[in-house]
Amino acid sequence: MDPLLLLARVRAWASELGFSQIGVAGIDLASAEAGLQAWLDNGFHGEMDYMAAHGLKRARPAELVPGTVSVITARMDYLPRTTPEGWQAIEFARQAQAGEGIVSLYARGRDYHKVLRGRLQKLQARIAEAVGPFGHRVFTDSAPVLEAELASRSGQGWRGKHTLVLSREAGSMFFLGEIYVDLALPPTEPVSGHCGSCQACIDVCPTQAIVAPLRLDARRCISYVTIEHPGAIDEELRPLMGNRIYGCDDCQLICPWNKYARRSELPDFDAREGLAGESLARLFAWSEEEFLRRTEGGPIRRIGHARWLRNIAVALGNALAAMPRTDPRRAPLLAALAERAEHADTLVREHVQWALER
């Protein structure tokens, strides 16, 4: 099949599967290797040891999947279907509700790994029906892939100063996935950057994790701290976390381009009960059984119950610190912490004690 015709059909099939945009990147990412190595050398990956273990393989698609000639990139928007106008201001306002727990928007629904992987596999099956068997491998943030680099090279957008991919038509509230293929497809054109002199994402970061444009120190990023980091949270960072208990959206909420962020048509990304607008005390009271039940099929389950309690304990401590001692709202927060003061897990106990001392 003519490569241009095949690409047009891939785009049509992808649209039927809920994807918003398809691009194609080549496999020569040599120019990205120096930046990747410098990021690793600075230790900005923190305890994500797999980043260093794979090293420069991330920038060498043909080493990861021998025979790869092209990379199909796919974008899927994830704002819930019922997201209201002015959603950015609404999300920022949640931070002023000290007794409320904030879960990052992307994590309130079904695990995006499951959604994207299943639909990318259906897409590659459609391609196989058209061209016959071909070499391929599907990725959804699941292997050493320079995802944002491939996305920007294939025209999905440009790298914002917060390192995320930005689109003039869709902001940054989207997931990315890839299919490495042994088919020679025509690369799609990259787009120019449109951040200009704006550095709102750098200025708004609660922990100043964006140390320079396009340079993120993951060790200070609240998303890393609440999700990837397995141990005790640095006491310097705890007060800066506010009531964010899983991830952080601040650099995206402040971005002017996200006024163009698109709602998903898929129910998969609708917020589950208890993950938007719920009180910290109620979330902290979840037993492990309830935690597993409520997070089944979602991304939050991967951190486990102990880390979930660790994160909420920090938020409870911050809420207490923000309230006058005579505020009646303090009582349920203190009671919730007292219930966990003798928790079997030392990680939980330490953070509960810190919160009580706040």
Protein backbone atom coordinates (compact mmCIF):
# COMPACT_ATOMS: atom_id res chain seq x y z
CA MET A 1 0.00 0.00 0.00
CA ASP A 2 1.19 3.51 -0.78
CA PRO A 3 2.69 4.90 2.48
CA LEU A 4 0.73 8.16 2.29
CA LEU A 5 -2.53 6.27 1.75
CA LEU A 6 -1.70 3.96 4.64
CA LEU A 7 -1.01 6.92 6.93
CA ALA A 8 -4.36 8.48 5.97
CA ARG A 9 -6.11 5.23 6.82
CA VAL A 10 -4.23 4.89 10.10
CA ARG A 11 -5.47 8.35 11.06
CA ALA A 12 -9.05 7.43 10.23
CA TRP A 13 -8.88 4.17 12.20
CA ALA A 14 -7.25 5.97 15.14
CA SER A 15 -10.04 8.54 15.22
CA GLU A 16 -12.60 5.73 15.42
CA LEU A 17 -10.67 4.35 18.41
CA GLY A 18 -10.76 7.63 20.33
CA PHE A 19 -7.35 9.03 19.45
CA SER A 20 -7.16 12.75 18.70
CA GLN A 21 -4.05 12.90 16.54
CA ILE A 22 -1.58 10.59 14.82
CA GLY A 23 1.97 11.45 13.83
CA VAL A 24 5.02 9.63 12.52
CA ALA A 25 8.61 10.13 13.69
CA GLY A 26 11.86 8.79 12.36
CA ILE A 27 14.22 6.83 14.59
CA ASP A 28 17.32 9.05 14.58
CA LEU A 29 17.16 10.68 18.00
CA ALA A 30 20.92 11.18 18.33
CA SER A 31 20.56 14.92 18.95
CA ALA A 32 18.54 14.17 22.10
CA GLU A 33 21.16 11.92 23.68
CA ALA A 34 23.31 14.66 25.23
CA GLY A 35 20.35 16.22 27.04
CA LEU A 36 19.17 12.85 28.31
CA GLN A 37 22.64 11.95 29.59
CA ALA A 38 23.04 15.31 31.33
CA TRP A 39 19.66 14.87 33.04
CA LEU A 40 20.72 11.46 34.31
CA ASP A 41 24.19 12.68 35.33
CA ASN A 42 22.56 15.41 37.45
CA GLY A 43 20.55 12.79 39.26
CA PHE A 44 17.30 14.51 38.29
CA HIS A 45 15.63 11.10 37.83
CA GLY A 46 15.77 10.54 41.60
CA GLU A 47 15.03 6.94 42.57
CA MET A 48 13.62 6.02 39.17
CA ASP A 49 16.54 3.66 38.69
CA TYR A 50 15.08 2.21 35.51
CA MET A 51 15.81 5.55 33.82
CA ALA A 52 19.53 5.15 34.38
CA ALA A 53 19.48 1.39 33.82
CA HIS A 54 18.23 1.81 30.26
CA GLY A 55 20.53 4.76 29.63
CA LEU A 56 20.67 5.95 26.05
CA LYS A 57 18.55 3.07 24.78
CA ARG A 58 15.63 5.45 25.25
CA ALA A 59 17.03 7.55 22.40
CA ARG A 60 17.71 4.56 20.16
CA PRO A 61 14.44 2.98 19.01
CA ALA A 62 16.13 0.42 16.76
CA GLU A 63 18.10 -0.91 19.74
CA LEU A 64 14.98 -1.29 21.81
CA VAL A 65 13.02 -2.98 19.02
CA PRO A 66 15.34 -4.28 16.27
CA GLY A 67 13.97 -3.65 12.81
CA THR A 68 12.12 -0.47 13.76
CA VAL A 69 11.99 2.00 10.87
CA SER A 70 9.26 4.40 11.96
CA VAL A 71 7.40 5.34 15.13
CA ILE A 72 3.67 6.03 15.04
CA THR A 73 2.76 8.48 17.81
CA ALA A 74 -0.77 8.85 19.13
CA ARG A 75 -2.45 11.51 21.27
CA MET A 76 -5.52 10.91 23.43
CA ASP A 77 -7.19 13.77 25.31
CA TYR A 78 -8.20 12.99 28.88
CA LEU A 79 -10.23 15.81 30.44
CA PRO A 80 -13.43 14.15 31.74
CA ARG A 81 -16.51 14.54 29.54
CA THR A 82 -18.29 16.71 32.11
CA THR A 83 -15.40 19.12 32.72
CA PRO A 84 -16.97 22.60 33.17
CA GLU A 85 -15.83 25.83 31.62
CA GLY A 86 -13.30 27.57 33.81
CA TRP A 87 -11.98 24.21 35.02
CA GLN A 88 -8.47 25.58 35.57
CA ALA A 89 -9.71 28.17 38.08
CA ILE A 90 -11.90 25.55 39.73
CA GLU A 91 -8.94 23.23 40.21
CA PHE A 92 -6.79 26.01 41.64
CA ALA A 93 -9.61 26.88 44.05
CA ARG A 94 -9.49 23.32 45.41
CA GLN A 95 -6.07 24.10 46.84
CA ALA A 96 -7.65 26.68 49.15
CA GLN A 97 -9.96 24.00 50.55
CA ALA A 98 -7.47 22.70 53.10
CA GLY A 99 -9.63 19.77 54.17
CA GLU A 100 -10.05 18.43 50.62
CA GLY A 101 -7.67 15.95 48.99
CA ILE A 102 -6.52 16.74 45.45
CA VAL A 103 -5.85 13.92 43.01
CA SER A 104 -4.31 14.86 39.67
CA LEU A 105 -6.92 15.10 36.91
CA TYR A 106 -5.43 12.30 34.82
CA ALA A 107 -5.63 9.84 37.74
CA ARG A 108 -9.29 10.22 38.65
CA GLY A 109 -10.51 7.71 36.07
CA ARG A 110 -9.33 4.43 34.61
CA ASP A 111 -5.62 3.70 34.28
CA TYR A 112 -4.54 5.30 31.03
CA HIS A 113 -1.99 2.54 30.43
CA LYS A 114 -4.86 0.08 30.06
CA VAL A 115 -6.96 2.37 27.89
CA LEU A 116 -4.22 3.39 25.47
CA ARG A 117 -2.56 -0.01 25.24
CA GLY A 118 -5.80 -1.74 24.34
CA ARG A 119 -6.69 0.80 21.68
CA LEU A 120 -3.17 0.94 20.23
CA GLN A 121 -3.25 -2.84 19.90
CA LYS A 122 -6.54 -2.57 18.04
CA LEU A 123 -4.95 0.03 15.78
CA GLN A 124 -2.00 -2.19 14.93
CA ALA A 125 -4.43 -5.04 14.21
CA ARG A 126 -6.22 -2.81 11.69
CA ILE A 127 -2.88 -2.02 10.06
CA ALA A 128 -2.06 -5.74 9.85
CA GLU A 129 -5.40 -6.39 8.16
CA ALA A 130 -4.44 -3.86 5.50
CA VAL A 131 -0.76 -4.67 4.90
CA GLY A 132 -0.31 -8.18 6.27
CA PRO A 133 1.93 -9.23 9.15
CA PHE A 134 4.50 -6.61 10.14
CA GLY A 135 6.98 -6.04 12.95
CA HIS A 136 5.64 -3.84 15.71
CA ARG A 137 5.56 -3.12 19.43
CA VAL A 138 3.10 -0.98 21.37
CA PHE A 139 4.19 1.37 24.16
CA THR A 140 2.23 3.44 26.68
CA ASP A 141 4.76 4.91 29.09
CA SER A 142 5.85 1.34 29.71
CA ALA A 143 9.41 1.04 28.39
CA PRO A 144 12.54 3.13 27.74
CA VAL A 145 10.94 5.41 25.15
CA LEU A 146 11.66 9.12 24.69
CA GLU A 147 7.94 9.73 24.45
CA ALA A 148 7.84 13.53 24.50
CA GLU A 149 10.75 13.76 22.07
CA LEU A 150 9.05 11.44 19.58
CA ALA A 151 5.77 13.31 20.00
CA SER A 152 7.33 16.69 19.34
CA ARG A 153 9.29 15.41 16.34
CA SER A 154 6.11 13.99 14.83
CA GLY A 155 4.11 17.20 15.12
CA GLN A 156 2.00 16.43 18.19
CA GLY A 157 3.20 19.72 19.66
CA TRP A 158 6.31 21.35 21.06
CA ARG A 159 8.10 20.86 24.37
CA GLY A 160 6.88 23.43 26.86
CA LYS A 161 9.21 24.88 29.47
CA HIS A 162 7.73 22.38 31.95
CA THR A 163 9.02 19.61 29.57
CA LEU A 164 5.50 18.43 28.64
CA VAL A 165 4.26 18.46 25.06
CA LEU A 166 2.03 21.43 24.21
CA SER A 167 -0.40 21.74 21.33
CA ARG A 168 -2.00 24.95 20.05
CA GLU A 169 -5.21 22.98 19.50
CA ALA A 170 -5.23 20.85 22.66
CA GLY A 171 -2.96 22.29 25.35
CA SER A 172 -1.21 19.53 27.29
CA MET A 173 -4.03 17.55 28.90
CA PHE A 174 -3.48 14.41 26.87
CA PHE A 175 -1.77 11.04 26.97
CA LEU A 176 0.77 9.79 24.47
CA GLY A 177 1.37 6.32 23.08
CA GLU A 178 3.58 4.82 20.41
CA ILE A 179 3.76 1.93 17.98
CA TYR A 180 7.28 1.04 16.84
CA VAL A 181 6.94 -0.42 13.33
CA ASP A 182 9.15 -1.89 10.63
CA LEU A 183 7.15 -0.01 7.99
CA ALA A 184 8.66 3.00 6.21
CA LEU A 185 6.01 5.65 6.81
CA PRO A 186 6.40 9.33 5.83
CA PRO A 187 7.41 11.40 8.87
CA THR A 188 4.96 14.15 9.82
CA GLU A 189 6.26 17.69 10.22
CA PRO A 190 7.15 19.04 13.67
CA VAL A 191 5.62 22.32 14.82
CA SER A 192 7.38 25.39 16.14
CA GLY A 193 7.28 26.36 19.80
CA HIS A 194 4.87 28.99 21.08
CA CYS A 195 5.83 29.60 24.71
CA GLY A 196 7.62 32.85 23.92
CA SER A 197 8.68 34.71 27.05
CA CYS A 198 6.01 33.07 29.22
CA GLN A 199 7.35 31.17 32.20
CA ALA A 200 4.16 30.80 34.19
CA CYS A 201 4.78 27.08 34.67
CA ILE A 202 8.19 27.75 36.19
CA ASP A 203 6.87 30.43 38.52
CA VAL A 204 3.84 28.48 39.75
CA CYS A 205 5.61 25.22 40.62
CA PRO A 206 5.13 24.81 44.39
CA THR A 207 8.53 23.20 44.90
CA GLN A 208 10.44 24.98 42.10
CA ALA A 209 11.11 21.62 40.47
CA ILE A 210 11.46 23.25 37.03
CA VAL A 211 15.00 24.46 37.61
CA ALA A 212 15.31 26.00 34.13
CA PRO A 213 13.28 25.96 30.92
CA LEU A 214 13.03 22.33 29.74
CA ARG A 215 14.88 21.08 32.81
CA LEU A 216 12.90 19.28 35.52
CA ASP A 217 14.41 17.99 38.75
CA ALA A 218 12.03 15.09 39.36
CA ARG A 219 13.24 14.77 42.95
CA ARG A 220 11.40 18.01 43.79
CA CYS A 221 8.34 17.40 41.63
CA ILE A 222 5.19 16.65 43.66
CA SER A 223 4.10 14.10 41.06
CA TYR A 224 7.35 12.21 41.59
CA VAL A 225 7.25 12.63 45.37
CA THR A 226 3.69 11.33 45.75
CA ILE A 227 3.86 8.56 43.14
CA GLU A 228 7.37 7.38 42.30
CA HIS A 229 9.23 8.07 45.55
CA PRO A 230 8.98 5.00 47.81
CA GLY A 231 10.29 6.26 51.14
CA ALA A 232 9.89 9.15 53.55
CA ILE A 233 9.14 12.48 51.91
CA ASP A 234 11.76 15.18 52.40
CA GLU A 235 10.60 17.38 55.29
CA GLU A 236 11.54 20.47 53.28
CA LEU A 237 9.02 19.49 50.61
CA ARG A 238 6.13 18.41 52.85
CA PRO A 239 4.74 21.90 53.65
CA LEU A 240 4.93 22.78 49.94
CA MET A 241 2.68 19.89 48.94
CA GLY A 242 -0.44 21.51 50.35
CA ASN A 243 -3.39 19.16 49.91
CA ARG A 244 -2.08 17.41 46.78
CA ILE A 245 -2.17 13.71 47.58
CA TYR A 246 -1.52 12.11 44.18
CA GLY A 247 0.26 14.04 41.48
CA CYS A 248 0.23 17.76 40.75
CA ASP A 249 -1.29 19.71 37.85
CA ASP A 250 -0.16 23.24 38.68
CA CYS A 251 2.19 23.73 35.72
CA GLN A 252 -0.62 22.65 33.40
CA LEU A 253 -3.40 24.56 35.16
CA ILE A 254 -1.51 27.84 34.79
CA CYS A 255 -0.57 27.30 31.14
CA PRO A 256 -2.50 29.65 28.81
CA TRP A 257 -2.57 27.01 26.09
CA ASN A 258 -4.74 24.75 28.23
CA LYS A 259 -7.74 26.95 27.56
CA TYR A 260 -7.80 24.82 24.40
CA ALA A 261 -7.59 21.50 26.24
CA ARG A 262 -10.20 19.09 24.93
CA ARG A 263 -12.70 16.89 26.72
CA SER A 264 -12.38 13.18 26.12
CA GLU A 265 -15.27 11.36 24.51
CA LEU A 266 -14.45 8.23 26.50
CA PRO A 267 -16.15 7.42 29.82
CA ASP A 268 -12.87 5.78 30.94
CA PHE A 269 -11.51 9.14 32.09
CA ASP A 270 -14.58 10.28 34.03
CA ALA A 271 -13.75 10.88 37.69
CA ARG A 272 -14.53 8.00 40.02
CA GLU A 273 -16.48 8.56 43.19
CA GLY A 274 -14.23 9.70 46.01
CA LEU A 275 -11.42 11.02 43.81
CA ALA A 276 -12.72 14.55 43.32
CA GLY A 277 -14.02 16.78 46.09
CA GLU A 278 -13.54 14.22 48.89
CA SER A 279 -12.35 15.18 52.36
CA LEU A 280 -8.88 14.22 53.55
CA ALA A 281 -10.33 12.66 56.70
CA ARG A 282 -12.58 10.37 54.65
CA LEU A 283 -9.78 9.36 52.28
CA PHE A 284 -7.45 8.70 55.22
CA ALA A 285 -10.04 6.39 56.73
CA TRP A 286 -10.00 4.02 53.76
CA SER A 287 -8.93 0.56 54.87
CA GLU A 288 -6.55 -1.31 52.60
CA GLU A 289 -9.49 -3.34 51.35
CA GLU A 290 -11.45 -0.19 50.50
CA PHE A 291 -8.38 1.39 48.91
CA LEU A 292 -7.91 -1.64 46.64
CA ARG A 293 -11.59 -1.74 45.74
CA ARG A 294 -11.89 1.93 44.93
CA THR A 295 -8.66 2.06 42.91
CA GLU A 296 -9.16 -1.18 40.99
CA GLY A 297 -8.29 -0.59 37.33
CA GLY A 298 -6.99 2.89 38.12
CA PRO A 299 -3.45 4.33 38.27
CA ILE A 300 -3.53 5.13 42.01
CA ARG A 301 -3.45 1.48 43.05
CA ARG A 302 0.19 1.16 41.99
CA ILE A 303 1.47 3.20 44.97
CA GLY A 304 -0.17 0.90 47.52
CA HIS A 305 -2.12 1.71 50.66
CA ALA A 306 0.84 2.73 52.83
CA ARG A 307 2.06 5.40 50.42
CA TRP A 308 -1.52 6.58 49.96
CA LEU A 309 -1.72 7.12 53.74
CA ARG A 310 1.74 8.73 53.77
CA ASN A 311 0.64 11.32 51.21
CA ILE A 312 -2.65 12.08 52.97
CA ALA A 313 -0.94 12.40 56.35
CA VAL A 314 1.22 15.18 54.91
CA ALA A 315 -1.86 16.92 53.51
CA LEU A 316 -3.62 16.62 56.88
CA GLY A 317 -0.64 18.19 58.60
CA ASN A 318 -0.65 21.05 56.11
CA ALA A 319 -4.39 21.54 56.59
CA LEU A 320 -3.95 21.75 60.36
CA ALA A 321 -1.15 24.26 59.98
CA ALA A 322 -3.39 26.44 57.79
CA MET A 323 -6.26 26.57 60.32
CA PRO A 324 -6.49 28.67 63.48
CA ARG A 325 -6.34 26.55 66.63
CA THR A 326 -9.93 27.47 67.44
CA ASP A 327 -11.22 26.32 64.04
CA PRO A 328 -13.78 23.53 64.55
CA ARG A 329 -12.68 21.91 61.30
CA ARG A 330 -9.49 20.79 63.04
CA ALA A 331 -11.23 18.19 65.19
CA PRO A 332 -12.00 15.60 62.49
CA LEU A 333 -8.53 15.99 61.03
CA LEU A 334 -6.86 15.40 64.38
CA ALA A 335 -9.14 12.45 65.05
CA ALA A 336 -8.28 10.92 61.67
CA LEU A 337 -4.56 11.20 62.40
CA ALA A 338 -4.94 9.80 65.89
CA GLU A 339 -6.59 6.70 64.43
CA ARG A 340 -3.39 5.98 62.47
CA ALA A 341 -0.85 7.06 65.10
CA GLU A 342 0.06 3.45 65.88
CA HIS A 343 -0.12 2.16 62.31
CA ALA A 344 1.91 -1.00 61.67
CA ASP A 345 3.91 0.64 58.86
CA THR A 346 6.77 2.84 60.09
CA LEU A 347 6.46 5.04 56.98
CA VAL A 348 2.86 5.87 57.85
CA ARG A 349 3.62 6.41 61.55
CA GLU A 350 6.43 8.86 60.82
CA HIS A 351 4.29 11.04 58.59
CA VAL A 352 1.34 10.92 60.99
CA GLN A 353 3.59 12.08 63.80
CA TRP A 354 4.92 14.91 61.64
CA ALA A 355 1.37 15.94 60.81
CA LEU A 356 0.31 15.96 64.46
CA GLU A 357 3.29 18.16 65.31
CA ARG A 358 2.16 20.69 62.70
